Amino acid sequence: MNSVSPARRKATVELKGSLRELSNQLSLLNRRVGSRLEMKDVDLDCLDVINRLGPLSPKALAREAGLHPATLTGILDRLEKGGWVVRERDPSDRRATLIRGLRERNAELLGLFSGMNSSLDEICADYREAELELITGFLRRAVAAGRGATEDLI
């Protein structure tokens, strides 16, 4: 039988609760940023994926964003019309398309996230490098667990 101390159980419950609160706060922040940019939440999510991992094919973007490829047409149309992305021919396969973020618009986007980024810089300053590496490792594992849980629901 698995014997977990009450203190450890409490700490784990508090950690999970804090992760849920963080998720909610980040969702609210993204919603506000999207509203300022007149962008839907899903558009902002896709733009983030494109800016982090791009250029990407529409199929790769759909996979990374967890969306059906047909759903992307409207999202990409809105992002392109807003001047956030361009569709280009893939130089390695002229029949394929790649989606590339337009970096010229990033200053506007970064400006809206600057408050959060500054706060995170201040928080990180309170931790030693080894502690930050530990936290980063935990968060990467939590992301992987979330990805796995999401895939299990497909």
N, C-alpha and C. Protein backbone atom coordinates (compact mmCIF):
# COMPACT_ATOMS: atom_id res chain seq x y z
N MET A 1 0.83 -1.18 0.00
CA MET A 1 0.00 0.00 0.00
C MET A 1 0.89 1.25 0.00
N ASN A 2 0.48 2.24 -0.73
CA ASN A 2 1.24 3.47 -0.86
C ASN A 2 0.98 4.37 0.35
N SER A 3 2.01 4.59 1.15
CA SER A 3 1.83 5.45 2.32
C SER A 3 2.49 6.80 2.05
N VAL A 4 1.66 7.80 1.92
CA VAL A 4 2.12 9.16 1.69
C VAL A 4 1.81 9.95 2.94
N SER A 5 2.79 10.69 3.40
CA SER A 5 2.59 11.47 4.62
C SER A 5 1.53 12.54 4.38
N PRO A 6 0.79 12.90 5.41
CA PRO A 6 -0.20 13.97 5.28
C PRO A 6 0.42 15.28 4.79
N ALA A 7 1.65 15.58 5.23
CA ALA A 7 2.31 16.81 4.80
C ALA A 7 2.61 16.79 3.30
N ARG A 8 3.07 15.64 2.82
CA ARG A 8 3.35 15.51 1.39
C ARG A 8 2.06 15.59 0.58
N ARG A 9 1.01 14.91 1.04
CA ARG A 9 -0.28 14.95 0.36
C ARG A 9 -0.79 16.40 0.29
N LYS A 10 -0.68 17.13 1.40
CA LYS A 10 -1.12 18.53 1.43
C LYS A 10 -0.30 19.38 0.45
N ALA A 11 1.02 19.19 0.45
CA ALA A 11 1.88 19.96 -0.45
C ALA A 11 1.55 19.66 -1.91
N THR A 12 1.27 18.40 -2.23
CA THR A 12 0.92 18.02 -3.60
C THR A 12 -0.41 18.64 -4.01
N VAL A 13 -1.38 18.61 -3.12
CA VAL A 13 -2.69 19.22 -3.40
C VAL A 13 -2.54 20.72 -3.62
N GLU A 14 -1.73 21.37 -2.78
CA GLU A 14 -1.51 22.81 -2.93
C GLU A 14 -0.80 23.13 -4.24
N LEU A 15 0.16 22.30 -4.63
CA LEU A 15 0.87 22.50 -5.88
C LEU A 15 -0.09 22.38 -7.07
N LYS A 16 -0.91 21.34 -7.06
CA LYS A 16 -1.88 21.17 -8.15
C LYS A 16 -2.86 22.34 -8.20
N GLY A 17 -3.29 22.80 -7.04
CA GLY A 17 -4.18 23.95 -6.99
C GLY A 17 -3.52 25.20 -7.54
N SER A 18 -2.25 25.39 -7.22
CA SER A 18 -1.52 26.54 -7.74
C SER A 18 -1.36 26.47 -9.26
N LEU A 19 -1.13 25.27 -9.78
CA LEU A 19 -1.03 25.11 -11.24
C LEU A 19 -2.36 25.45 -11.91
N ARG A 20 -3.48 25.03 -11.31
CA ARG A 20 -4.79 25.38 -11.87
C ARG A 20 -5.01 26.88 -11.84
N GLU A 21 -4.64 27.52 -10.71
CA GLU A 21 -4.78 28.98 -10.62
C GLU A 21 -3.92 29.68 -11.66
N LEU A 22 -2.69 29.21 -11.84
CA LEU A 22 -1.80 29.79 -12.86
C LEU A 22 -2.41 29.63 -14.23
N SER A 23 -2.92 28.45 -14.52
CA SER A 23 -3.57 28.21 -15.82
C SER A 23 -4.71 29.19 -16.04
N ASN A 24 -5.52 29.38 -15.01
CA ASN A 24 -6.65 30.33 -15.13
C ASN A 24 -6.16 31.75 -15.35
N GLN A 25 -5.14 32.17 -14.60
CA GLN A 25 -4.63 33.53 -14.76
C GLN A 25 -4.01 33.75 -16.13
N LEU A 26 -3.29 32.77 -16.62
CA LEU A 26 -2.70 32.90 -17.96
C LEU A 26 -3.78 32.93 -19.04
N SER A 27 -4.84 32.16 -18.83
CA SER A 27 -5.98 32.20 -19.77
C SER A 27 -6.62 33.58 -19.77
N LEU A 28 -6.80 34.15 -18.58
CA LEU A 28 -7.37 35.50 -18.50
C LEU A 28 -6.46 36.52 -19.17
N LEU A 29 -5.16 36.42 -18.91
CA LEU A 29 -4.20 37.34 -19.54
C LEU A 29 -4.26 37.22 -21.06
N ASN A 30 -4.25 35.98 -21.55
CA ASN A 30 -4.31 35.77 -23.00
C ASN A 30 -5.61 36.31 -23.58
N ARG A 31 -6.70 36.13 -22.86
CA ARG A 31 -7.99 36.64 -23.33
C ARG A 31 -7.96 38.16 -23.44
N ARG A 32 -7.37 38.82 -22.43
CA ARG A 32 -7.27 40.29 -22.46
C ARG A 32 -6.36 40.76 -23.59
N VAL A 33 -5.23 40.08 -23.74
CA VAL A 33 -4.32 40.44 -24.83
C VAL A 33 -5.03 40.25 -26.17
N GLY A 34 -5.68 39.11 -26.34
CA GLY A 34 -6.42 38.85 -27.57
C GLY A 34 -7.47 39.90 -27.83
N SER A 35 -8.16 40.31 -26.79
CA SER A 35 -9.19 41.34 -26.93
C SER A 35 -8.59 42.66 -27.40
N ARG A 36 -7.44 43.03 -26.82
CA ARG A 36 -6.78 44.27 -27.24
C ARG A 36 -6.35 44.22 -28.70
N LEU A 37 -6.00 43.02 -29.14
CA LEU A 37 -5.53 42.86 -30.52
C LEU A 37 -6.67 42.48 -31.47
N GLU A 38 -7.88 42.42 -30.92
CA GLU A 38 -9.07 42.00 -31.68
C GLU A 38 -8.84 40.63 -32.31
N MET A 39 -8.38 39.71 -31.44
CA MET A 39 -8.04 38.36 -31.86
C MET A 39 -8.78 37.37 -30.98
N LYS A 40 -9.22 36.27 -31.56
CA LYS A 40 -9.83 35.20 -30.78
C LYS A 40 -8.75 34.46 -30.00
N ASP A 41 -9.16 33.82 -28.90
CA ASP A 41 -8.19 33.07 -28.09
C ASP A 41 -7.41 32.05 -28.92
N VAL A 42 -8.13 31.32 -29.77
CA VAL A 42 -7.49 30.28 -30.57
C VAL A 42 -6.52 30.89 -31.58
N ASP A 43 -6.81 32.10 -32.06
CA ASP A 43 -5.90 32.78 -32.97
C ASP A 43 -4.59 33.10 -32.26
N LEU A 44 -4.71 33.62 -31.04
CA LEU A 44 -3.52 33.96 -30.26
C LEU A 44 -2.71 32.71 -29.92
N ASP A 45 -3.40 31.62 -29.60
CA ASP A 45 -2.71 30.36 -29.32
C ASP A 45 -1.92 29.89 -30.55
N CYS A 46 -2.55 29.94 -31.71
CA CYS A 46 -1.87 29.51 -32.94
C CYS A 46 -0.70 30.43 -33.27
N LEU A 47 -0.88 31.73 -33.08
CA LEU A 47 0.21 32.67 -33.33
C LEU A 47 1.39 32.37 -32.42
N ASP A 48 1.12 32.02 -31.18
CA ASP A 48 2.19 31.67 -30.25
C ASP A 48 2.95 30.44 -30.75
N VAL A 49 2.23 29.44 -31.20
CA VAL A 49 2.87 28.22 -31.72
C VAL A 49 3.72 28.56 -32.94
N ILE A 50 3.17 29.36 -33.83
CA ILE A 50 3.91 29.75 -35.05
C ILE A 50 5.17 30.52 -34.68
N ASN A 51 5.05 31.46 -33.75
CA ASN A 51 6.22 32.27 -33.37
C ASN A 51 7.28 31.45 -32.63
N ARG A 52 6.86 30.45 -31.87
CA ARG A 52 7.82 29.62 -31.14
C ARG A 52 8.46 28.55 -32.00
N LEU A 53 7.67 27.94 -32.88
CA LEU A 53 8.14 26.75 -33.60
C LEU A 53 8.25 26.93 -35.11
N GLY A 54 7.74 28.03 -35.64
CA GLY A 54 7.63 28.22 -37.07
C GLY A 54 8.94 28.50 -37.76
N PRO A 55 8.88 28.56 -39.07
CA PRO A 55 7.68 28.34 -39.89
C PRO A 55 7.22 26.88 -39.85
N LEU A 56 5.90 26.73 -39.96
CA LEU A 56 5.27 25.41 -39.86
C LEU A 56 4.32 25.18 -41.02
N SER A 57 4.16 23.92 -41.37
CA SER A 57 3.10 23.58 -42.32
C SER A 57 1.77 23.67 -41.58
N PRO A 58 0.67 23.87 -42.29
CA PRO A 58 -0.63 23.88 -41.63
C PRO A 58 -0.89 22.58 -40.85
N LYS A 59 -0.45 21.45 -41.39
CA LYS A 59 -0.65 20.16 -40.72
C LYS A 59 0.11 20.12 -39.39
N ALA A 60 1.36 20.59 -39.40
CA ALA A 60 2.16 20.62 -38.17
C ALA A 60 1.56 21.60 -37.16
N LEU A 61 1.08 22.73 -37.63
CA LEU A 61 0.44 23.70 -36.75
C LEU A 61 -0.81 23.10 -36.11
N ALA A 62 -1.62 22.42 -36.91
CA ALA A 62 -2.83 21.78 -36.39
C ALA A 62 -2.47 20.77 -35.30
N ARG A 63 -1.45 20.00 -35.54
CA ARG A 63 -1.02 19.00 -34.56
C ARG A 63 -0.55 19.67 -33.27
N GLU A 64 0.31 20.67 -33.39
CA GLU A 64 0.85 21.36 -32.22
C GLU A 64 -0.22 22.11 -31.43
N ALA A 65 -1.20 22.67 -32.15
CA ALA A 65 -2.25 23.45 -31.49
C ALA A 65 -3.43 22.58 -31.06
N GLY A 66 -3.41 21.30 -31.45
CA GLY A 66 -4.49 20.40 -31.08
C GLY A 66 -5.79 20.71 -31.79
N LEU A 67 -5.69 21.14 -33.04
CA LEU A 67 -6.87 21.53 -33.81
C LEU A 67 -7.02 20.65 -35.04
N HIS A 68 -8.24 20.55 -35.51
CA HIS A 68 -8.49 19.85 -36.78
C HIS A 68 -7.95 20.74 -37.90
N PRO A 69 -7.27 20.17 -38.88
CA PRO A 69 -6.70 20.99 -39.97
C PRO A 69 -7.71 21.89 -40.66
N ALA A 70 -8.94 21.44 -40.80
CA ALA A 70 -9.95 22.27 -41.46
C ALA A 70 -10.27 23.53 -40.65
N THR A 71 -10.12 23.44 -39.34
CA THR A 71 -10.37 24.59 -38.47
C THR A 71 -9.35 25.69 -38.70
N LEU A 72 -8.16 25.32 -39.14
CA LEU A 72 -7.08 26.29 -39.31
C LEU A 72 -7.32 27.29 -40.42
N THR A 73 -8.10 26.94 -41.40
CA THR A 73 -8.29 27.84 -42.54
C THR A 73 -8.78 29.20 -42.08
N GLY A 74 -9.82 29.24 -41.28
CA GLY A 74 -10.36 30.50 -40.78
C GLY A 74 -9.38 31.23 -39.88
N ILE A 75 -8.70 30.48 -39.02
CA ILE A 75 -7.72 31.07 -38.11
C ILE A 75 -6.59 31.72 -38.91
N LEU A 76 -6.06 30.98 -39.87
CA LEU A 76 -4.95 31.52 -40.68
C LEU A 76 -5.41 32.69 -41.53
N ASP A 77 -6.63 32.63 -42.03
CA ASP A 77 -7.16 33.78 -42.79
C ASP A 77 -7.19 35.03 -41.92
N ARG A 78 -7.66 34.90 -40.66
CA ARG A 78 -7.72 36.05 -39.76
C ARG A 78 -6.33 36.55 -39.40
N LEU A 79 -5.40 35.62 -39.12
CA LEU A 79 -4.04 36.03 -38.76
C LEU A 79 -3.34 36.71 -39.94
N GLU A 80 -3.57 36.20 -41.14
CA GLU A 80 -2.97 36.80 -42.33
C GLU A 80 -3.57 38.18 -42.59
N LYS A 81 -4.87 38.29 -42.49
CA LYS A 81 -5.55 39.58 -42.71
C LYS A 81 -5.09 40.61 -41.68
N GLY A 82 -4.83 40.16 -40.44
CA GLY A 82 -4.37 41.06 -39.39
C GLY A 82 -2.90 41.42 -39.49
N GLY A 83 -2.19 40.83 -40.44
CA GLY A 83 -0.78 41.14 -40.61
C GLY A 83 0.13 40.43 -39.63
N TRP A 84 -0.33 39.29 -39.09
CA TRP A 84 0.46 38.54 -38.12
C TRP A 84 1.27 37.42 -38.76
N VAL A 85 0.79 36.85 -39.86
CA VAL A 85 1.47 35.73 -40.51
C VAL A 85 1.38 35.87 -42.02
N VAL A 86 2.25 35.12 -42.68
CA VAL A 86 2.16 34.97 -44.13
C VAL A 86 2.23 33.49 -44.46
N ARG A 87 1.59 33.14 -45.57
CA ARG A 87 1.69 31.78 -46.11
C ARG A 87 2.69 31.84 -47.26
N GLU A 88 3.65 30.95 -47.20
CA GLU A 88 4.71 30.92 -48.21
C GLU A 88 4.85 29.52 -48.76
N ARG A 89 5.38 29.42 -49.96
CA ARG A 89 5.70 28.12 -50.53
C ARG A 89 6.88 27.53 -49.77
N ASP A 90 6.81 26.25 -49.50
CA ASP A 90 7.91 25.53 -48.85
C ASP A 90 9.01 25.37 -49.89
N PRO A 91 10.21 25.91 -49.64
CA PRO A 91 11.29 25.82 -50.63
C PRO A 91 11.69 24.37 -50.94
N SER A 92 11.44 23.45 -50.01
CA SER A 92 11.83 22.06 -50.25
C SER A 92 10.73 21.27 -50.97
N ASP A 93 9.50 21.84 -51.02
CA ASP A 93 8.39 21.17 -51.70
C ASP A 93 7.42 22.26 -52.17
N ARG A 94 7.55 22.65 -53.42
CA ARG A 94 6.78 23.79 -53.94
C ARG A 94 5.27 23.60 -53.86
N ARG A 95 4.82 22.37 -53.66
CA ARG A 95 3.38 22.13 -53.52
C ARG A 95 2.89 22.42 -52.11
N ALA A 96 3.82 22.45 -51.16
CA ALA A 96 3.46 22.62 -49.75
C ALA A 96 3.54 24.09 -49.34
N THR A 97 2.83 24.41 -48.27
CA THR A 97 2.80 25.77 -47.73
C THR A 97 3.38 25.78 -46.33
N LEU A 98 4.08 26.85 -46.02
CA LEU A 98 4.56 27.09 -44.66
C LEU A 98 3.94 28.36 -44.13
N ILE A 99 3.67 28.37 -42.84
CA ILE A 99 3.12 29.55 -42.18
C ILE A 99 4.25 30.18 -41.37
N ARG A 100 4.51 31.45 -41.63
CA ARG A 100 5.59 32.17 -40.94
C ARG A 100 5.01 33.40 -40.26
N GLY A 101 5.41 33.59 -39.00
CA GLY A 101 5.01 34.79 -38.27
C GLY A 101 5.75 36.00 -38.78
N LEU A 102 5.07 37.15 -38.80
CA LEU A 102 5.69 38.40 -39.20
C LEU A 102 6.23 39.08 -37.94
N ARG A 103 7.54 39.08 -37.82
CA ARG A 103 8.20 39.59 -36.61
C ARG A 103 7.95 41.08 -36.38
N GLU A 104 7.57 41.81 -37.43
CA GLU A 104 7.34 43.24 -37.30
C GLU A 104 6.23 43.54 -36.27
N ARG A 105 5.31 42.60 -36.12
CA ARG A 105 4.19 42.81 -35.20
C ARG A 105 4.51 42.36 -33.77
N ASN A 106 5.65 41.70 -33.57
CA ASN A 106 5.97 41.14 -32.26
C ASN A 106 6.12 42.20 -31.17
N ALA A 107 6.60 43.39 -31.51
CA ALA A 107 6.76 44.44 -30.50
C ALA A 107 5.42 44.76 -29.84
N GLU A 108 4.39 44.83 -30.64
CA GLU A 108 3.05 45.10 -30.12
C GLU A 108 2.61 43.98 -29.18
N LEU A 109 2.84 42.77 -29.59
CA LEU A 109 2.47 41.61 -28.79
C LEU A 109 3.29 41.56 -27.49
N LEU A 110 4.60 41.74 -27.61
CA LEU A 110 5.47 41.71 -26.43
C LEU A 110 5.13 42.83 -25.45
N GLY A 111 4.73 43.97 -25.98
CA GLY A 111 4.34 45.08 -25.11
C GLY A 111 3.17 44.73 -24.22
N LEU A 112 2.22 43.98 -24.75
CA LEU A 112 1.06 43.59 -23.96
C LEU A 112 1.40 42.55 -22.91
N PHE A 113 2.44 41.77 -23.15
CA PHE A 113 2.87 40.76 -22.18
C PHE A 113 4.01 41.27 -21.28
N SER A 114 4.43 42.52 -21.45
CA SER A 114 5.60 43.02 -20.73
C SER A 114 5.41 43.01 -19.22
N GLY A 115 4.21 43.30 -18.75
CA GLY A 115 3.98 43.29 -17.31
C GLY A 115 4.22 41.91 -16.72
N MET A 116 3.70 40.89 -17.36
CA MET A 116 3.90 39.52 -16.89
C MET A 116 5.35 39.12 -17.00
N ASN A 117 5.99 39.46 -18.12
CA ASN A 117 7.40 39.10 -18.31
C ASN A 117 8.28 39.77 -17.25
N SER A 118 8.01 41.03 -16.93
CA SER A 118 8.78 41.72 -15.89
C SER A 118 8.57 41.08 -14.53
N SER A 119 7.33 40.72 -14.24
CA SER A 119 7.04 40.06 -12.96
C SER A 119 7.77 38.72 -12.86
N LEU A 120 7.78 37.97 -13.95
CA LEU A 120 8.48 36.68 -13.94
C LEU A 120 9.98 36.86 -13.77
N ASP A 121 10.55 37.91 -14.38
CA ASP A 121 11.97 38.20 -14.19
C ASP A 121 12.27 38.47 -12.72
N GLU A 122 11.40 39.23 -12.06
CA GLU A 122 11.58 39.53 -10.64
C GLU A 122 11.47 38.27 -9.79
N ILE A 123 10.50 37.42 -10.11
CA ILE A 123 10.33 36.17 -9.37
C ILE A 123 11.56 35.29 -9.55
N CYS A 124 12.02 35.15 -10.78
CA CYS A 124 13.19 34.29 -11.06
C CYS A 124 14.45 34.81 -10.36
N ALA A 125 14.54 36.10 -10.16
CA ALA A 125 15.71 36.68 -9.50
C ALA A 125 15.85 36.18 -8.06
N ASP A 126 14.76 35.72 -7.49
CA ASP A 126 14.78 35.23 -6.10
C ASP A 126 15.27 33.78 -5.99
N TYR A 127 15.55 33.13 -7.11
CA TYR A 127 15.94 31.72 -7.09
C TYR A 127 17.35 31.55 -7.65
N ARG A 128 18.05 30.56 -7.09
CA ARG A 128 19.37 30.21 -7.61
C ARG A 128 19.20 29.47 -8.94
N GLU A 129 20.26 29.43 -9.71
CA GLU A 129 20.22 28.77 -11.02
C GLU A 129 19.76 27.32 -10.91
N ALA A 130 20.28 26.59 -9.93
CA ALA A 130 19.91 25.18 -9.75
C ALA A 130 18.42 25.04 -9.43
N GLU A 131 17.88 25.99 -8.67
CA GLU A 131 16.45 25.95 -8.35
C GLU A 131 15.61 26.23 -9.60
N LEU A 132 16.06 27.17 -10.40
CA LEU A 132 15.34 27.45 -11.65
C LEU A 132 15.36 26.25 -12.58
N GLU A 133 16.50 25.55 -12.63
CA GLU A 133 16.58 24.34 -13.45
C GLU A 133 15.62 23.27 -12.94
N LEU A 134 15.50 23.15 -11.62
CA LEU A 134 14.57 22.19 -11.02
C LEU A 134 13.12 22.54 -11.36
N ILE A 135 12.79 23.81 -11.23
CA ILE A 135 11.42 24.27 -11.54
C ILE A 135 11.13 24.06 -13.02
N THR A 136 12.09 24.39 -13.87
CA THR A 136 11.92 24.20 -15.31
C THR A 136 11.70 22.73 -15.64
N GLY A 137 12.46 21.87 -15.01
CA GLY A 137 12.28 20.43 -15.23
C GLY A 137 10.89 19.97 -14.80
N PHE A 138 10.42 20.44 -13.66
CA PHE A 138 9.08 20.11 -13.20
C PHE A 138 8.04 20.58 -14.20
N LEU A 139 8.16 21.82 -14.65
CA LEU A 139 7.17 22.37 -15.59
C LEU A 139 7.19 21.62 -16.92
N ARG A 140 8.36 21.25 -17.40
CA ARG A 140 8.44 20.47 -18.65
C ARG A 140 7.73 19.13 -18.49
N ARG A 141 7.94 18.48 -17.34
CA ARG A 141 7.27 17.21 -17.07
C ARG A 141 5.76 17.41 -16.96
N ALA A 142 5.35 18.52 -16.35
CA ALA A 142 3.92 18.81 -16.22
C ALA A 142 3.30 19.07 -17.60
N VAL A 143 4.03 19.77 -18.46
CA VAL A 143 3.55 19.99 -19.84
C VAL A 143 3.40 18.66 -20.56
N ALA A 144 4.39 17.80 -20.43
CA ALA A 144 4.32 16.48 -21.08
C ALA A 144 3.14 15.67 -20.53
N ALA A 145 2.90 15.75 -19.24
CA ALA A 145 1.76 15.05 -18.65
C ALA A 145 0.46 15.60 -19.21
N GLY A 146 0.38 16.93 -19.34
CA GLY A 146 -0.81 17.55 -19.92
C GLY A 146 -1.02 17.14 -21.37
N ARG A 147 0.07 17.07 -22.11
CA ARG A 147 -0.01 16.65 -23.51
C ARG A 147 -0.51 15.21 -23.59
N GLY A 148 0.02 14.35 -22.72
CA GLY A 148 -0.40 12.96 -22.70
C GLY A 148 -1.87 12.82 -22.31
N ALA A 149 -2.30 13.57 -21.30
CA ALA A 149 -3.70 13.52 -20.89
C ALA A 149 -4.63 14.00 -21.99
N THR A 150 -4.18 15.02 -22.71
CA THR A 150 -4.97 15.55 -23.83
C THR A 150 -5.09 14.51 -24.94
N GLU A 151 -3.96 13.86 -25.28
CA GLU A 151 -3.98 12.84 -26.32
C GLU A 151 -4.84 11.65 -25.93
N ASP A 152 -4.88 11.34 -24.65
CA ASP A 152 -5.72 10.23 -24.18
C ASP A 152 -7.20 10.50 -24.39
N LEU A 153 -7.58 11.77 -24.49
CA LEU A 153 -8.99 12.12 -24.68
C LEU A 153 -9.42 12.15 -26.14
N ILE A 154 -8.48 11.91 -27.04
CA ILE A 154 -8.81 11.92 -28.47
C ILE A 154 -9.50 10.62 -28.83
